[in-house]
Amino acid sequence: MHSMISSVDVKSEVPVGLEPISPLDLRTDLRMMMPVVDPVVREKQLQQELLLIQQQQQIQKQLLIAEFQKQHENLTRQHQAQLQEHIKELLAIKQQQELLEKEQKLEQQRQEQEVERHRREQQLPPLRGKDRGRERAVASTEVKQKLQEFLLSKSATKDTPTNGKNHSVSRHPKLWYT
């Protein structure tokens, strides 16, 4: 592959009419523009400037630390508020769950009671029939006893045979239960 770079002639000559210039000093610090003075004075001056810069740095450092602490305190307060809010939400959720569980337990108990009531109702008709049978049995025993007492009292009044035939039921106790 052929390279298409062409050479450029650079002239080191200064155009006619212009004087050579020293490199441009872009520093805007006024301290540097001061005329050169005695080195001892200049050293003291530089020491003072250094001390001033160190003091400024210390002040800036203190300001930064103060700002950092302020922001840290604000963030800590915000974090605490968020934690409190989160705890409140969790407690509300827990209370809702407990209430729901309680309602479910009550509903389950109600359903169990309903099932038990229904089961008892299903068992009651046969029990009622048995109870009725018992009541009838008791009543029939009472009736038999009353009947026996009645017959005994009747037989006592008719103990004297009038026609010579004495077919009293009271004399045949086996007939009482038939």
Protein backbone atom coordinates (compact mmCIF):
# COMPACT_ATOMS: atom_id res chain seq x y z
CA MET A 1 0.00 0.00 0.00
CA HIS A 2 1.33 3.42 -0.93
CA SER A 3 1.49 6.16 1.67
CA MET A 4 0.03 9.51 0.72
CA ILE A 5 1.83 11.64 3.25
CA SER A 6 3.62 14.57 1.72
CA SER A 7 6.48 16.34 3.34
CA VAL A 8 6.14 19.88 4.58
CA ASP A 9 8.96 22.37 4.65
CA VAL A 10 9.31 24.15 7.96
CA LYS A 11 11.30 27.33 7.94
CA SER A 12 13.03 28.34 11.11
CA GLU A 13 13.43 31.85 9.92
CA VAL A 14 11.47 34.65 11.47
CA PRO A 15 9.65 36.76 8.94
CA VAL A 16 11.25 40.06 8.24
CA GLY A 17 9.95 42.84 10.40
CA LEU A 18 9.19 40.75 13.52
CA GLU A 19 11.43 40.46 16.48
CA PRO A 20 11.96 37.14 18.19
CA ILE A 21 9.66 36.84 21.25
CA SER A 22 10.37 35.10 24.48
CA PRO A 23 7.80 32.48 25.55
CA LEU A 24 4.60 34.07 26.74
CA ASP A 25 4.13 34.01 30.50
CA LEU A 26 0.48 33.09 31.06
CA ARG A 27 0.64 33.38 34.83
CA THR A 28 -1.62 36.08 36.16
CA ASP A 29 -0.26 36.04 39.67
CA LEU A 30 0.81 39.56 40.53
CA ARG A 31 3.51 38.28 42.84
CA MET A 32 5.42 37.00 39.87
CA MET A 33 5.21 40.29 38.04
CA MET A 34 7.00 42.11 40.80
CA PRO A 35 10.52 43.15 40.03
CA VAL A 36 13.25 40.93 41.35
CA VAL A 37 14.23 41.95 44.86
CA ASP A 38 16.74 40.87 47.40
CA PRO A 39 16.71 37.04 47.83
CA VAL A 40 16.30 37.28 51.62
CA VAL A 41 13.32 39.58 51.25
CA ARG A 42 11.99 37.34 48.54
CA GLU A 43 12.41 34.29 50.83
CA LYS A 44 10.50 36.00 53.64
CA GLN A 45 7.82 37.00 51.19
CA LEU A 46 7.54 33.42 49.92
CA GLN A 47 7.39 32.11 53.51
CA GLN A 48 4.53 34.48 54.28
CA GLU A 49 2.71 33.44 51.12
CA LEU A 50 3.23 29.79 52.03
CA LEU A 51 1.90 30.42 55.53
CA LEU A 52 -1.10 32.26 54.08
CA ILE A 53 -1.79 29.38 51.68
CA GLN A 54 -1.54 26.86 54.53
CA GLN A 55 -3.95 28.91 56.64
CA GLN A 56 -6.38 29.10 53.72
CA GLN A 57 -6.09 25.34 53.25
CA GLN A 58 -6.76 24.78 56.95
CA ILE A 59 -9.84 27.02 56.79
CA GLN A 60 -11.06 25.20 53.68
CA LYS A 61 -10.43 21.87 55.37
CA GLN A 62 -12.44 22.96 58.42
CA LEU A 63 -15.25 24.23 56.18
CA LEU A 64 -15.28 20.93 54.28
CA ILE A 65 -15.34 18.94 57.51
CA ALA A 66 -18.16 21.11 58.87
CA GLU A 67 -20.13 20.68 55.63
CA PHE A 68 -19.47 16.95 55.68
CA GLN A 69 -20.68 16.68 59.28
CA LYS A 70 -23.78 18.72 58.46
CA GLN A 71 -24.61 16.50 55.50
CA HIS A 72 -23.83 13.39 57.54
CA GLU A 73 -26.23 14.53 60.29
CA ASN A 74 -28.93 15.30 57.70
CA LEU A 75 -28.49 11.89 56.09
CA THR A 76 -28.54 10.21 59.49
CA ARG A 77 -31.81 11.97 60.37
CA GLN A 78 -33.30 11.01 57.01
CA HIS A 79 -32.16 7.43 57.49
CA GLN A 80 -33.67 7.30 60.98
CA ALA A 81 -36.94 8.72 59.67
CA GLN A 82 -36.98 6.13 56.88
CA LEU A 83 -36.26 3.36 59.39
CA GLN A 84 -39.09 4.55 61.64
CA GLU A 85 -41.46 4.69 58.67
CA HIS A 86 -40.38 1.22 57.59
CA ILE A 87 -40.90 -0.10 61.12
CA LYS A 88 -44.39 1.45 61.20
CA GLU A 89 -45.21 -0.19 57.87
CA LEU A 90 -43.92 -3.55 59.10
CA LEU A 91 -45.96 -3.26 62.30
CA ALA A 92 -49.06 -2.36 60.31
CA ILE A 93 -48.50 -5.37 58.06
CA LYS A 94 -47.95 -7.59 61.11
CA GLN A 95 -51.15 -6.30 62.72
CA GLN A 96 -53.07 -6.90 59.50
CA GLN A 97 -51.70 -10.44 59.31
CA GLU A 98 -52.58 -11.10 62.95
CA LEU A 99 -56.07 -9.72 62.41
CA LEU A 100 -56.48 -11.81 59.27
CA GLU A 101 -55.26 -14.92 61.10
CA LYS A 102 -57.66 -14.18 63.97
CA GLU A 103 -60.55 -13.70 61.54
CA GLN A 104 -59.61 -16.92 59.74
CA LYS A 105 -59.42 -18.77 63.06
CA LEU A 106 -62.82 -17.40 64.10
CA GLU A 107 -64.26 -18.33 60.72
CA GLN A 108 -62.79 -21.82 61.03
CA GLN A 109 -64.26 -22.17 64.53
CA ARG A 110 -67.61 -20.94 63.25
CA GLN A 111 -67.51 -23.47 60.43
CA GLU A 112 -66.51 -26.25 62.83
CA GLN A 113 -69.38 -25.26 65.13
CA GLU A 114 -71.73 -25.22 62.16
CA VAL A 115 -70.54 -28.67 61.10
CA GLU A 116 -70.91 -29.93 64.68
CA ARG A 117 -74.40 -28.40 64.95
CA HIS A 118 -75.37 -29.96 61.65
CA ARG A 119 -73.99 -33.33 62.76
CA ARG A 120 -75.96 -33.10 66.02
CA GLU A 121 -79.11 -32.19 64.11
CA GLN A 122 -78.57 -35.23 61.93
CA GLN A 123 -78.21 -37.42 65.03
CA LEU A 124 -81.12 -35.86 66.95
CA PRO A 125 -84.03 -37.47 65.05
CA PRO A 126 -82.88 -41.02 65.90
CA LEU A 127 -82.18 -39.92 69.47
CA ARG A 128 -85.58 -38.29 69.68
CA GLY A 129 -87.13 -41.50 68.48
CA LYS A 130 -85.23 -43.42 71.13
CA ASP A 131 -86.22 -40.89 73.76
CA ARG A 132 -89.82 -41.16 72.67
CA GLY A 133 -89.56 -44.91 72.92
CA ARG A 134 -88.20 -44.58 76.42
CA GLU A 135 -90.93 -42.12 77.30
CA ARG A 136 -93.48 -44.55 75.90
CA ALA A 137 -91.89 -47.36 77.86
CA VAL A 138 -92.03 -45.31 81.01
CA ALA A 139 -95.57 -44.26 80.26
CA SER A 140 -96.66 -47.83 79.58
CA THR A 141 -95.17 -48.97 82.89
CA GLU A 142 -97.01 -46.17 84.64
CA VAL A 143 -100.16 -47.02 82.78
CA LYS A 144 -99.82 -50.68 83.77
CA GLN A 145 -99.29 -49.68 87.38
CA LYS A 146 -102.33 -47.39 87.35
CA LEU A 147 -104.32 -50.08 85.64
CA GLN A 148 -103.25 -52.60 88.26
CA GLU A 149 -104.19 -50.21 91.07
CA PHE A 150 -107.52 -49.57 89.42
CA LEU A 151 -108.21 -53.24 88.99
CA LEU A 152 -107.22 -53.98 92.58
CA SER A 153 -109.56 -51.33 93.84
CA LYS A 154 -112.32 -52.68 91.63
CA SER A 155 -111.73 -56.21 92.78
CA ALA A 156 -111.81 -55.12 96.40
CA THR A 157 -115.27 -53.68 95.92
CA LYS A 158 -116.45 -56.75 94.08
CA ASP A 159 -114.73 -59.22 96.35
CA THR A 160 -118.05 -60.75 97.21
CA PRO A 161 -119.27 -62.87 94.37
CA THR A 162 -122.87 -62.26 93.48
CA ASN A 163 -123.46 -64.95 90.96
CA GLY A 164 -120.99 -67.53 92.15
CA LYS A 165 -118.56 -66.98 89.36
CA ASN A 166 -115.44 -65.17 90.27
CA HIS A 167 -113.41 -64.34 87.16
CA SER A 168 -111.57 -61.40 88.56
CA VAL A 169 -108.48 -60.18 86.70
CA SER A 170 -106.91 -59.27 90.00
CA ARG A 171 -106.58 -62.89 90.92
CA HIS A 172 -104.61 -63.63 87.77
CA PRO A 173 -101.55 -61.36 87.86
CA LYS A 174 -100.19 -62.90 84.69
CA LEU A 175 -102.98 -61.23 82.78
CA TRP A 176 -101.86 -57.80 83.91
CA TYR A 177 -98.91 -57.70 81.51
CA THR A 178 -100.52 -59.14 78.43
